[in-house]
Amino acid sequence: MATIGVFSARGDGATTVAVGLAAVLAAKSKTLLIDLNFDNPEIAPLLDVDPEFGVFDLAHNAQLAPVSDADLERRLGRRDGIAVLPGIGGEEDVEHISDHFLAGL
């Protein structure tokens, strides 16, 4: 298992690269694409995945118990072989996404 992060020094390009990379990786193995762009989460609408449940919901529930495989699976959208975990719903949700949560995820 490998973790790959895609970042952009400017406000554009990282989402396109992340989605393209996920598509290439999904052709060979199980791939999970997590939208952690807190300023402008756009992977769910780009891939036409329901954004209702996402990374914020998992982080909120993780305050009570670690995220289980079943919890994660219930919140994933799927598109063209890529499992997608949509981003946050609003700026107020950012504070719930801690480094500790992300490391456990």
Protein backbone atom coordinates (compact mmCIF):
# COMPACT_ATOMS: atom_id res chain seq x y z
CA MET A 1 0.00 0.00 0.00
CA ALA A 2 1.26 3.47 -0.88
CA THR A 3 0.08 6.94 -0.02
CA ILE A 4 0.49 9.65 -2.62
CA GLY A 5 -0.25 13.31 -1.89
CA VAL A 6 -0.82 15.87 -4.62
CA PHE A 7 -0.30 19.52 -3.75
CA SER A 8 -0.25 22.72 -5.75
CA ALA A 9 1.66 25.90 -4.97
CA ARG A 10 -1.07 27.81 -6.78
CA GLY A 11 -4.82 27.46 -6.60
CA ASP A 12 -5.18 25.32 -9.70
CA GLY A 13 -4.05 22.03 -11.14
CA ALA A 14 -3.78 19.72 -8.14
CA THR A 15 -7.32 18.34 -8.48
CA THR A 16 -6.85 17.52 -12.16
CA VAL A 17 -3.55 15.80 -11.48
CA ALA A 18 -5.00 13.88 -8.49
CA VAL A 19 -8.00 12.62 -10.47
CA GLY A 20 -5.82 11.63 -13.43
CA LEU A 21 -3.34 9.84 -11.19
CA ALA A 22 -6.17 8.04 -9.38
CA ALA A 23 -7.58 6.87 -12.72
CA VAL A 24 -4.21 5.44 -13.77
CA LEU A 25 -3.70 3.73 -10.40
CA ALA A 26 -7.28 2.36 -10.34
CA ALA A 27 -6.59 0.45 -13.55
CA LYS A 28 -4.02 -1.64 -11.66
CA SER A 29 -5.14 -1.74 -8.02
CA LYS A 30 -7.66 -0.56 -5.45
CA THR A 31 -7.51 3.22 -5.24
CA LEU A 32 -8.98 5.67 -2.75
CA LEU A 33 -9.13 9.36 -3.70
CA ILE A 34 -9.66 11.69 -0.70
CA ASP A 35 -10.52 15.33 -1.34
CA LEU A 36 -8.60 17.36 1.25
CA ASN A 37 -8.83 20.67 -0.55
CA PHE A 38 -10.40 22.64 2.27
CA ASP A 39 -10.74 25.86 0.27
CA ASN A 40 -12.53 24.41 -2.74
CA PRO A 41 -13.40 20.70 -2.56
CA GLU A 42 -14.34 19.76 -6.11
CA ILE A 43 -13.62 16.08 -6.65
CA ALA A 44 -17.18 14.93 -5.82
CA PRO A 45 -18.88 17.21 -8.36
CA LEU A 46 -16.14 16.58 -10.92
CA LEU A 47 -16.65 12.81 -10.69
CA ASP A 48 -20.42 13.07 -10.11
CA VAL A 49 -20.23 11.45 -6.66
CA ASP A 50 -22.73 12.30 -3.92
CA PRO A 51 -20.92 14.74 -1.58
CA GLU A 52 -23.38 14.29 1.30
CA PHE A 53 -21.08 12.06 3.36
CA GLY A 54 -17.38 12.62 3.31
CA VAL A 55 -14.20 13.20 5.20
CA PHE A 56 -15.86 15.54 7.73
CA ASP A 57 -18.42 12.88 8.70
CA LEU A 58 -15.67 10.35 9.32
CA ALA A 59 -13.63 12.86 11.34
CA HIS A 60 -16.63 13.81 13.43
CA ASN A 61 -17.45 10.17 14.20
CA ALA A 62 -13.77 9.42 14.89
CA GLN A 63 -14.00 11.60 17.99
CA LEU A 64 -15.92 8.74 19.61
CA ALA A 65 -14.23 5.70 18.07
CA PRO A 66 -11.62 4.89 15.43
CA VAL A 67 -12.87 4.73 11.85
CA SER A 68 -13.73 1.15 10.98
CA ASP A 69 -13.48 -0.36 7.52
CA ALA A 70 -17.30 -0.56 7.44
CA ASP A 71 -17.65 3.15 8.33
CA LEU A 72 -15.25 4.12 5.57
CA GLU A 73 -16.91 1.85 3.03
CA ARG A 74 -20.38 3.33 3.74
CA ARG A 75 -19.16 6.84 2.99
CA LEU A 76 -17.30 6.12 -0.23
CA GLY A 77 -18.62 7.06 -3.62
CA ARG A 78 -17.41 5.14 -6.64
CA ARG A 79 -16.64 6.27 -10.13
CA ASP A 80 -14.83 4.31 -12.85
CA GLY A 81 -13.09 2.01 -10.38
CA ILE A 82 -12.01 4.82 -8.06
CA ALA A 83 -13.28 4.92 -4.48
CA VAL A 84 -13.91 8.58 -3.61
CA LEU A 85 -14.14 10.20 -0.20
CA PRO A 86 -15.65 13.67 -0.77
CA GLY A 87 -14.29 16.76 0.94
CA ILE A 88 -15.74 19.03 3.58
CA GLY A 89 -19.05 20.84 3.35
CA GLY A 90 -17.96 24.22 4.69
CA GLU A 91 -15.08 26.15 6.19
CA GLU A 92 -16.36 25.49 9.71
CA ASP A 93 -15.67 21.76 9.18
CA VAL A 94 -11.91 22.21 8.67
CA GLU A 95 -11.10 22.27 12.39
CA HIS A 96 -12.40 18.70 12.76
CA ILE A 97 -9.89 17.28 10.28
CA SER A 98 -6.81 16.73 12.45
CA ASP A 99 -3.43 15.27 11.53
CA HIS A 100 -4.13 12.46 14.01
CA PHE A 101 -7.39 11.61 12.22
CA LEU A 102 -5.73 11.63 8.80
CA ALA A 103 -2.87 9.41 9.99
CA GLY A 104 -5.41 6.89 11.31
CA LEU A 105 -7.45 6.98 8.16
